[in-house]
Amino acid sequence: MKGSDVEKEVCAYAEKIGFMSIKFRDLSRAGGPDRLFISKTGNVAFLEFKSPSEPVSDRQDDYITDLKRHCVTVNVVRDVDAGINLISQMASQDALRGWG
């Protein structure tokens, strides 16, 4: 399955349960993650979508490292189940805060 196919399915799930899904483009720097997801309580995560065999480029790896240094949640997602699991974890955190 291509990374774009994984992205479509994860986005559909996230939007179905009330998340914002924003295509991320950093015009000043290459290598940014594909999507920004925002939950009902403002829980935020960046996801980079790849096929199982597609490598993360050096620029992407540098960008991800910089985000993590700033305590930003960012993950590389290689299959639909993993992406849905990450979004579900964020939704569970919302439920603990009284949303959901």
C-alpha atoms as a PDB file:
ATOM      1  CA  MET A   1       0.000   0.000   0.000  1.00  0.00           C
ATOM      2  CA  LYS A   2       1.311   3.441  -0.934  1.00  0.00           C
ATOM      3  CA  GLY A   3       1.843   6.105   1.714  1.00  0.00           C
ATOM      4  CA  SER A   4      -0.832   8.269   0.078  1.00  0.00           C
ATOM      5  CA  ASP A   5      -3.374   5.428   0.450  1.00  0.00           C
ATOM      6  CA  VAL A   6      -2.512   5.077   4.138  1.00  0.00           C
ATOM      7  CA  GLU A   7      -2.851   8.856   4.528  1.00  0.00           C
ATOM      8  CA  LYS A   8      -6.341   8.906   2.959  1.00  0.00           C
ATOM      9  CA  GLU A   9      -7.672   6.167   5.230  1.00  0.00           C
ATOM     10  CA  VAL A  10      -6.171   7.609   8.413  1.00  0.00           C
ATOM     11  CA  CYS A  11      -7.489  11.086   7.542  1.00  0.00           C
ATOM     12  CA  ALA A  12     -10.977   9.699   6.893  1.00  0.00           C
ATOM     13  CA  TYR A  13     -10.961   7.995  10.292  1.00  0.00           C
ATOM     14  CA  ALA A  14      -9.638  11.060  12.105  1.00  0.00           C
ATOM     15  CA  GLU A  15     -12.193  13.374  10.530  1.00  0.00           C
ATOM     16  CA  LYS A  16     -14.988  10.884  11.255  1.00  0.00           C
ATOM     17  CA  ILE A  17     -14.237  11.101  14.982  1.00  0.00           C
ATOM     18  CA  GLY A  18     -13.994  14.893  14.979  1.00  0.00           C
ATOM     19  CA  PHE A  19     -10.322  15.677  14.422  1.00  0.00           C
ATOM     20  CA  MET A  20      -9.005  18.407  12.166  1.00  0.00           C
ATOM     21  CA  SER A  21      -6.636  17.075   9.527  1.00  0.00           C
ATOM     22  CA  ILE A  22      -4.481  19.706   7.862  1.00  0.00           C
ATOM     23  CA  LYS A  23      -2.117  19.091   4.949  1.00  0.00           C
ATOM     24  CA  PHE A  24       1.140  20.567   6.224  1.00  0.00           C
ATOM     25  CA  ARG A  25       3.433  22.583   3.979  1.00  0.00           C
ATOM     26  CA  ASP A  26       6.396  24.523   5.319  1.00  0.00           C
ATOM     27  CA  LEU A  27       7.295  26.992   2.596  1.00  0.00           C
ATOM     28  CA  SER A  28      10.547  27.955   4.293  1.00  0.00           C
ATOM     29  CA  ARG A  29      12.005  24.480   4.818  1.00  0.00           C
ATOM     30  CA  ALA A  30      11.842  21.134   3.017  1.00  0.00           C
ATOM     31  CA  GLY A  31      11.146  17.834   4.750  1.00  0.00           C
ATOM     32  CA  GLY A  32       8.102  18.678   6.858  1.00  0.00           C
ATOM     33  CA  PRO A  33       5.625  15.960   7.835  1.00  0.00           C
ATOM     34  CA  ASP A  34       2.582  15.301   5.641  1.00  0.00           C
ATOM     35  CA  ARG A  35      -0.227  16.132   8.068  1.00  0.00           C
ATOM     36  CA  LEU A  36      -1.072  17.956  11.249  1.00  0.00           C
ATOM     37  CA  PHE A  37      -3.892  16.429  13.324  1.00  0.00           C
ATOM     38  CA  ILE A  38      -5.712  18.423  16.014  1.00  0.00           C
ATOM     39  CA  SER A  39      -8.116  16.818  18.469  1.00  0.00           C
ATOM     40  CA  LYS A  40     -11.173  18.383  20.109  1.00  0.00           C
ATOM     41  CA  THR A  41      -9.093  19.470  23.103  1.00  0.00           C
ATOM     42  CA  GLY A  42      -6.183  20.841  21.117  1.00  0.00           C
ATOM     43  CA  ASN A  43      -4.021  17.730  21.322  1.00  0.00           C
ATOM     44  CA  VAL A  44      -1.680  18.041  18.307  1.00  0.00           C
ATOM     45  CA  ALA A  45       0.417  15.537  16.365  1.00  0.00           C
ATOM     46  CA  PHE A  46       2.281  15.546  13.070  1.00  0.00           C
ATOM     47  CA  LEU A  47       2.239  12.385  10.951  1.00  0.00           C
ATOM     48  CA  GLU A  48       4.499  11.492   8.049  1.00  0.00           C
ATOM     49  CA  PHE A  49       2.995   8.791   5.818  1.00  0.00           C
ATOM     50  CA  LYS A  50       5.244   6.248   4.082  1.00  0.00           C
ATOM     51  CA  SER A  51       4.808   2.874   2.433  1.00  0.00           C
ATOM     52  CA  PRO A  52       6.345  -0.009   4.395  1.00  0.00           C
ATOM     53  CA  SER A  53       9.450  -0.003   2.197  1.00  0.00           C
ATOM     54  CA  GLU A  54       9.834   3.754   1.622  1.00  0.00           C
ATOM     55  CA  PRO A  55      12.697   5.357   3.560  1.00  0.00           C
ATOM     56  CA  VAL A  56      12.515   8.629   5.437  1.00  0.00           C
ATOM     57  CA  SER A  57      14.767  11.148   3.685  1.00  0.00           C
ATOM     58  CA  ASP A  58      17.598  12.889   5.504  1.00  0.00           C
ATOM     59  CA  ARG A  59      15.680  16.189   5.335  1.00  0.00           C
ATOM     60  CA  GLN A  60      12.585  14.556   6.803  1.00  0.00           C
ATOM     61  CA  ASP A  61      14.626  12.904   9.532  1.00  0.00           C
ATOM     62  CA  ASP A  62      16.216  16.267  10.430  1.00  0.00           C
ATOM     63  CA  TYR A  63      12.792  17.956  10.512  1.00  0.00           C
ATOM     64  CA  ILE A  64      11.315  15.208  12.699  1.00  0.00           C
ATOM     65  CA  THR A  65      14.291  15.430  15.058  1.00  0.00           C
ATOM     66  CA  ASP A  66      13.851  19.208  15.366  1.00  0.00           C
ATOM     67  CA  LEU A  67      10.127  18.837  16.130  1.00  0.00           C
ATOM     68  CA  LYS A  68      10.840  16.237  18.808  1.00  0.00           C
ATOM     69  CA  ARG A  69      13.465  18.533  20.363  1.00  0.00           C
ATOM     70  CA  HIS A  70      10.630  21.018  20.814  1.00  0.00           C
ATOM     71  CA  CYS A  71       8.433  18.371  22.511  1.00  0.00           C
ATOM     72  CA  VAL A  72       6.124  18.074  19.496  1.00  0.00           C
ATOM     73  CA  THR A  73       4.488  14.714  18.838  1.00  0.00           C
ATOM     74  CA  VAL A  74       5.523  13.403  15.424  1.00  0.00           C
ATOM     75  CA  ASN A  75       5.361   9.879  14.028  1.00  0.00           C
ATOM     76  CA  VAL A  76       6.132   8.066  10.795  1.00  0.00           C
ATOM     77  CA  VAL A  77       3.130   5.929   9.825  1.00  0.00           C
ATOM     78  CA  ARG A  78       3.592   2.988   7.476  1.00  0.00           C
ATOM     79  CA  ASP A  79       0.205   1.262   7.672  1.00  0.00           C
ATOM     80  CA  VAL A  80      -3.431   2.160   8.287  1.00  0.00           C
ATOM     81  CA  ASP A  81      -3.744   0.282  11.583  1.00  0.00           C
ATOM     82  CA  ALA A  82      -0.760   2.112  13.081  1.00  0.00           C
ATOM     83  CA  GLY A  83      -2.171   5.493  12.024  1.00  0.00           C
ATOM     84  CA  ILE A  84      -5.632   4.725  13.370  1.00  0.00           C
ATOM     85  CA  ASN A  85      -4.051   3.537  16.621  1.00  0.00           C
ATOM     86  CA  LEU A  86      -2.211   6.861  17.032  1.00  0.00           C
ATOM     87  CA  ILE A  87      -5.378   8.883  16.379  1.00  0.00           C
ATOM     88  CA  SER A  88      -7.332   6.619  18.759  1.00  0.00           C
ATOM     89  CA  GLN A  89      -4.750   7.226  21.487  1.00  0.00           C
ATOM     90  CA  MET A  90      -5.224  10.969  21.056  1.00  0.00           C
ATOM     91  CA  ALA A  91      -9.014  10.506  21.234  1.00  0.00           C
ATOM     92  CA  SER A  92      -8.570   8.526  24.471  1.00  0.00           C
ATOM     93  CA  GLN A  93      -6.626  11.434  25.939  1.00  0.00           C
ATOM     94  CA  ASP A  94      -9.547  13.698  24.962  1.00  0.00           C
ATOM     95  CA  ALA A  95     -11.960  11.340  26.737  1.00  0.00           C
ATOM     96  CA  LEU A  96      -9.864  11.596  29.907  1.00  0.00           C
ATOM     97  CA  ARG A  97     -10.302  15.372  29.675  1.00  0.00           C
ATOM     98  CA  GLY A  98     -14.085  15.036  29.451  1.00  0.00           C
ATOM     99  CA  TRP A  99     -14.470  15.181  25.657  1.00  0.00           C
ATOM    100  CA  GLY A 100     -15.611  12.448  23.356  1.00  0.00           C
END
